[in-house]
Amino acid sequence: MTEPQNPSAEKRDQQRLIQAFAHLDRHALGLSCGIVAAAVLFLMTVAMTIKGPTPCMACLSSTGGLRYGPHLELLGYFLPGYSVSWGGAFIGLGWGVLVGYLAGHIFGGFLNLHHHIYLRIIERRLRSEALSNG
């Protein structure tokens, strides 16, 4: 059997649990993810624009064989207005902030929910253990 802890030790353990499973600020996580996603998309688009068109073996029959970043161009199907160009880089900047913010915000919500459920499970186990030992 375990001896009951003193109140100060219980308080310290509770503080440690709270610090270990801290509540994430969903807006801050979303904003930071949005900034990173926007910067990455902007820099990739600028790099491909500066690099210039490259020969595309799969495109030889349809468009003459020169394209700007054929894989990066596929984002234009999902992000309206985006293209591998200087204008598209700035449109991609806006889309990167929006998509990154939403992804970070949703991820933060799921992580907070997971921590909330996990802490409740731990709390119930400790209560049932205390009652059985009691």
C-alpha atoms as a PDB file:
ATOM      1  CA  MET A   1       0.000   0.000   0.000  1.00  0.00           C
ATOM      2  CA  THR A   2       1.122   3.482  -0.707  1.00  0.00           C
ATOM      3  CA  GLU A   3       1.095   6.158   1.942  1.00  0.00           C
ATOM      4  CA  PRO A   4      -0.927   9.282   1.253  1.00  0.00           C
ATOM      5  CA  GLN A   5       1.162  12.165   0.046  1.00  0.00           C
ATOM      6  CA  ASN A   6       1.300  15.443   1.873  1.00  0.00           C
ATOM      7  CA  PRO A   7      -0.702  18.310   0.348  1.00  0.00           C
ATOM      8  CA  SER A   8       2.359  20.196  -0.885  1.00  0.00           C
ATOM      9  CA  ALA A   9       3.600  17.138  -2.823  1.00  0.00           C
ATOM     10  CA  GLU A  10       0.155  16.672  -4.387  1.00  0.00           C
ATOM     11  CA  LYS A  11       0.086  20.332  -5.378  1.00  0.00           C
ATOM     12  CA  ARG A  12       3.571  20.035  -6.901  1.00  0.00           C
ATOM     13  CA  ASP A  13       2.558  16.918  -8.858  1.00  0.00           C
ATOM     14  CA  GLN A  14      -0.544  18.688 -10.115  1.00  0.00           C
ATOM     15  CA  GLN A  15       1.549  21.652 -11.268  1.00  0.00           C
ATOM     16  CA  ARG A  16       3.913  19.305 -13.107  1.00  0.00           C
ATOM     17  CA  LEU A  17       1.005  17.675 -14.934  1.00  0.00           C
ATOM     18  CA  ILE A  18      -0.394  21.057 -15.896  1.00  0.00           C
ATOM     19  CA  GLN A  19       2.997  22.154 -17.241  1.00  0.00           C
ATOM     20  CA  ALA A  20       3.543  18.867 -19.116  1.00  0.00           C
ATOM     21  CA  PHE A  21       0.154  19.074 -20.826  1.00  0.00           C
ATOM     22  CA  ALA A  22      -0.072  22.825 -21.296  1.00  0.00           C
ATOM     23  CA  HIS A  23      -2.964  24.215 -23.316  1.00  0.00           C
ATOM     24  CA  LEU A  24      -1.767  25.375 -26.731  1.00  0.00           C
ATOM     25  CA  ASP A  25      -2.821  28.751 -28.054  1.00  0.00           C
ATOM     26  CA  ARG A  26      -4.494  27.732 -31.314  1.00  0.00           C
ATOM     27  CA  HIS A  27      -4.262  31.201 -32.823  1.00  0.00           C
ATOM     28  CA  ALA A  28      -0.537  31.512 -32.134  1.00  0.00           C
ATOM     29  CA  LEU A  29       0.159  28.055 -33.564  1.00  0.00           C
ATOM     30  CA  GLY A  30      -1.987  28.818 -36.603  1.00  0.00           C
ATOM     31  CA  LEU A  31      -0.274  32.140 -37.205  1.00  0.00           C
ATOM     32  CA  SER A  32       3.216  30.663 -36.910  1.00  0.00           C
ATOM     33  CA  CYS A  33       2.334  27.784 -39.257  1.00  0.00           C
ATOM     34  CA  GLY A  34       0.796  30.280 -41.682  1.00  0.00           C
ATOM     35  CA  ILE A  35       3.899  32.464 -41.709  1.00  0.00           C
ATOM     36  CA  VAL A  36       6.185  29.484 -42.291  1.00  0.00           C
ATOM     37  CA  ALA A  37       3.963  28.016 -45.035  1.00  0.00           C
ATOM     38  CA  ALA A  38       3.688  31.403 -46.772  1.00  0.00           C
ATOM     39  CA  ALA A  39       7.443  31.968 -46.635  1.00  0.00           C
ATOM     40  CA  VAL A  40       8.205  28.495 -47.992  1.00  0.00           C
ATOM     41  CA  LEU A  41       5.701  28.767 -50.848  1.00  0.00           C
ATOM     42  CA  PHE A  42       6.852  32.293 -51.711  1.00  0.00           C
ATOM     43  CA  LEU A  43      10.547  31.363 -51.710  1.00  0.00           C
ATOM     44  CA  MET A  44       9.981  28.187 -53.739  1.00  0.00           C
ATOM     45  CA  THR A  45       7.999  30.123 -56.339  1.00  0.00           C
ATOM     46  CA  VAL A  46      10.604  32.906 -56.536  1.00  0.00           C
ATOM     47  CA  ALA A  47      13.409  30.344 -56.850  1.00  0.00           C
ATOM     48  CA  MET A  48      11.644  28.581 -59.724  1.00  0.00           C
ATOM     49  CA  THR A  49      10.890  31.905 -61.419  1.00  0.00           C
ATOM     50  CA  ILE A  50      14.518  33.032 -61.170  1.00  0.00           C
ATOM     51  CA  LYS A  51      15.786  29.644 -62.320  1.00  0.00           C
ATOM     52  CA  GLY A  52      13.686  29.889 -65.457  1.00  0.00           C
ATOM     53  CA  PRO A  53      11.875  27.242 -67.448  1.00  0.00           C
ATOM     54  CA  THR A  54      13.257  23.738 -67.571  1.00  0.00           C
ATOM     55  CA  PRO A  55      12.738  21.036 -70.178  1.00  0.00           C
ATOM     56  CA  CYS A  56       9.884  18.755 -69.289  1.00  0.00           C
ATOM     57  CA  MET A  57      10.035  15.360 -70.942  1.00  0.00           C
ATOM     58  CA  ALA A  58       6.406  14.566 -70.129  1.00  0.00           C
ATOM     59  CA  CYS A  59       5.282  17.858 -71.725  1.00  0.00           C
ATOM     60  CA  LEU A  60       7.150  17.646 -75.010  1.00  0.00           C
ATOM     61  CA  SER A  61       4.169  16.583 -77.066  1.00  0.00           C
ATOM     62  CA  SER A  62       1.623  19.036 -75.638  1.00  0.00           C
ATOM     63  CA  THR A  63       3.330  22.347 -74.759  1.00  0.00           C
ATOM     64  CA  GLY A  64       6.651  22.371 -76.477  1.00  0.00           C
ATOM     65  CA  GLY A  65       8.690  21.083 -73.553  1.00  0.00           C
ATOM     66  CA  LEU A  66       9.513  24.159 -71.433  1.00  0.00           C
ATOM     67  CA  ARG A  67       7.693  24.752 -68.166  1.00  0.00           C
ATOM     68  CA  TYR A  68       8.318  26.555 -64.884  1.00  0.00           C
ATOM     69  CA  GLY A  69       8.451  23.937 -62.140  1.00  0.00           C
ATOM     70  CA  PRO A  70       5.931  21.399 -63.402  1.00  0.00           C
ATOM     71  CA  HIS A  71       5.354  19.981 -59.918  1.00  0.00           C
ATOM     72  CA  LEU A  72       4.909  23.385 -58.322  1.00  0.00           C
ATOM     73  CA  GLU A  73       2.469  24.372 -61.081  1.00  0.00           C
ATOM     74  CA  LEU A  74       0.102  21.670 -59.826  1.00  0.00           C
ATOM     75  CA  LEU A  75      -0.689  23.848 -56.813  1.00  0.00           C
ATOM     76  CA  GLY A  76      -2.611  26.072 -59.215  1.00  0.00           C
ATOM     77  CA  TYR A  77      -5.354  23.429 -59.284  1.00  0.00           C
ATOM     78  CA  PHE A  78      -5.862  23.738 -55.516  1.00  0.00           C
ATOM     79  CA  LEU A  79      -5.011  27.408 -54.976  1.00  0.00           C
ATOM     80  CA  PRO A  80      -6.985  29.605 -57.396  1.00  0.00           C
ATOM     81  CA  GLY A  81      -4.865  32.308 -59.006  1.00  0.00           C
ATOM     82  CA  TYR A  82      -1.558  30.700 -58.119  1.00  0.00           C
ATOM     83  CA  SER A  83       1.067  30.145 -60.799  1.00  0.00           C
ATOM     84  CA  VAL A  84       4.843  29.910 -60.949  1.00  0.00           C
ATOM     85  CA  SER A  85       5.488  33.604 -61.662  1.00  0.00           C
ATOM     86  CA  TRP A  86       6.195  36.807 -59.752  1.00  0.00           C
ATOM     87  CA  GLY A  87       2.495  37.566 -59.405  1.00  0.00           C
ATOM     88  CA  GLY A  88       1.800  33.977 -58.438  1.00  0.00           C
ATOM     89  CA  ALA A  89       4.453  34.218 -55.706  1.00  0.00           C
ATOM     90  CA  PHE A  90       2.463  36.963 -53.980  1.00  0.00           C
ATOM     91  CA  ILE A  91      -0.821  35.123 -54.462  1.00  0.00           C
ATOM     92  CA  GLY A  92       0.908  32.043 -53.008  1.00  0.00           C
ATOM     93  CA  LEU A  93       1.993  34.181 -50.070  1.00  0.00           C
ATOM     94  CA  GLY A  94      -1.641  34.876 -49.233  1.00  0.00           C
ATOM     95  CA  TRP A  95      -2.709  31.281 -49.766  1.00  0.00           C
ATOM     96  CA  GLY A  96       0.207  30.063 -47.632  1.00  0.00           C
ATOM     97  CA  VAL A  97      -0.877  32.234 -44.717  1.00  0.00           C
ATOM     98  CA  LEU A  98      -4.491  31.081 -45.027  1.00  0.00           C
ATOM     99  CA  VAL A  99      -3.840  27.360 -45.462  1.00  0.00           C
ATOM    100  CA  GLY A 100      -1.031  27.317 -42.893  1.00  0.00           C
ATOM    101  CA  TYR A 101      -3.159  29.170 -40.342  1.00  0.00           C
ATOM    102  CA  LEU A 102      -6.067  26.783 -40.792  1.00  0.00           C
ATOM    103  CA  ALA A 103      -3.817  23.721 -40.550  1.00  0.00           C
ATOM    104  CA  GLY A 104      -2.086  24.987 -37.402  1.00  0.00           C
ATOM    105  CA  HIS A 105      -5.360  26.077 -35.808  1.00  0.00           C
ATOM    106  CA  ILE A 106      -7.025  22.710 -36.437  1.00  0.00           C
ATOM    107  CA  PHE A 107      -3.928  20.776 -35.314  1.00  0.00           C
ATOM    108  CA  GLY A 108      -3.762  22.833 -32.107  1.00  0.00           C
ATOM    109  CA  GLY A 109      -7.423  22.081 -31.419  1.00  0.00           C
ATOM    110  CA  PHE A 110      -6.911  18.355 -31.875  1.00  0.00           C
ATOM    111  CA  LEU A 111      -3.819  18.423 -29.662  1.00  0.00           C
ATOM    112  CA  ASN A 112      -5.684  20.314 -26.918  1.00  0.00           C
ATOM    113  CA  LEU A 113      -8.562  17.842 -27.140  1.00  0.00           C
ATOM    114  CA  HIS A 114      -6.142  14.916 -26.928  1.00  0.00           C
ATOM    115  CA  HIS A 115      -4.456  16.364 -23.835  1.00  0.00           C
ATOM    116  CA  HIS A 116      -7.812  17.066 -22.200  1.00  0.00           C
ATOM    117  CA  ILE A 117      -9.020  13.496 -22.727  1.00  0.00           C
ATOM    118  CA  TYR A 118      -5.682  12.009 -21.650  1.00  0.00           C
ATOM    119  CA  LEU A 119      -5.631  14.029 -18.421  1.00  0.00           C
ATOM    120  CA  ARG A 120      -9.196  12.928 -17.619  1.00  0.00           C
ATOM    121  CA  ILE A 121      -8.189   9.284 -18.120  1.00  0.00           C
ATOM    122  CA  ILE A 122      -5.209   9.722 -15.792  1.00  0.00           C
ATOM    123  CA  GLU A 123      -7.409  11.462 -13.224  1.00  0.00           C
ATOM    124  CA  ARG A 124      -9.972   8.634 -13.280  1.00  0.00           C
ATOM    125  CA  ARG A 125      -7.293   5.973 -12.930  1.00  0.00           C
ATOM    126  CA  LEU A 126      -5.755   7.776  -9.975  1.00  0.00           C
ATOM    127  CA  ARG A 127      -9.150   8.184  -8.313  1.00  0.00           C
ATOM    128  CA  SER A 128     -10.051   4.524  -8.778  1.00  0.00           C
ATOM    129  CA  GLU A 129      -6.607   3.502  -7.506  1.00  0.00           C
ATOM    130  CA  ALA A 130      -7.024   5.748  -4.465  1.00  0.00           C
ATOM    131  CA  LEU A 131     -10.463   4.262  -3.742  1.00  0.00           C
ATOM    132  CA  SER A 132      -9.213   0.688  -4.062  1.00  0.00           C
ATOM    133  CA  ASN A 133      -6.240   1.410  -1.780  1.00  0.00           C
ATOM    134  CA  GLY A 134      -8.264   3.627   0.522  1.00  0.00           C
END
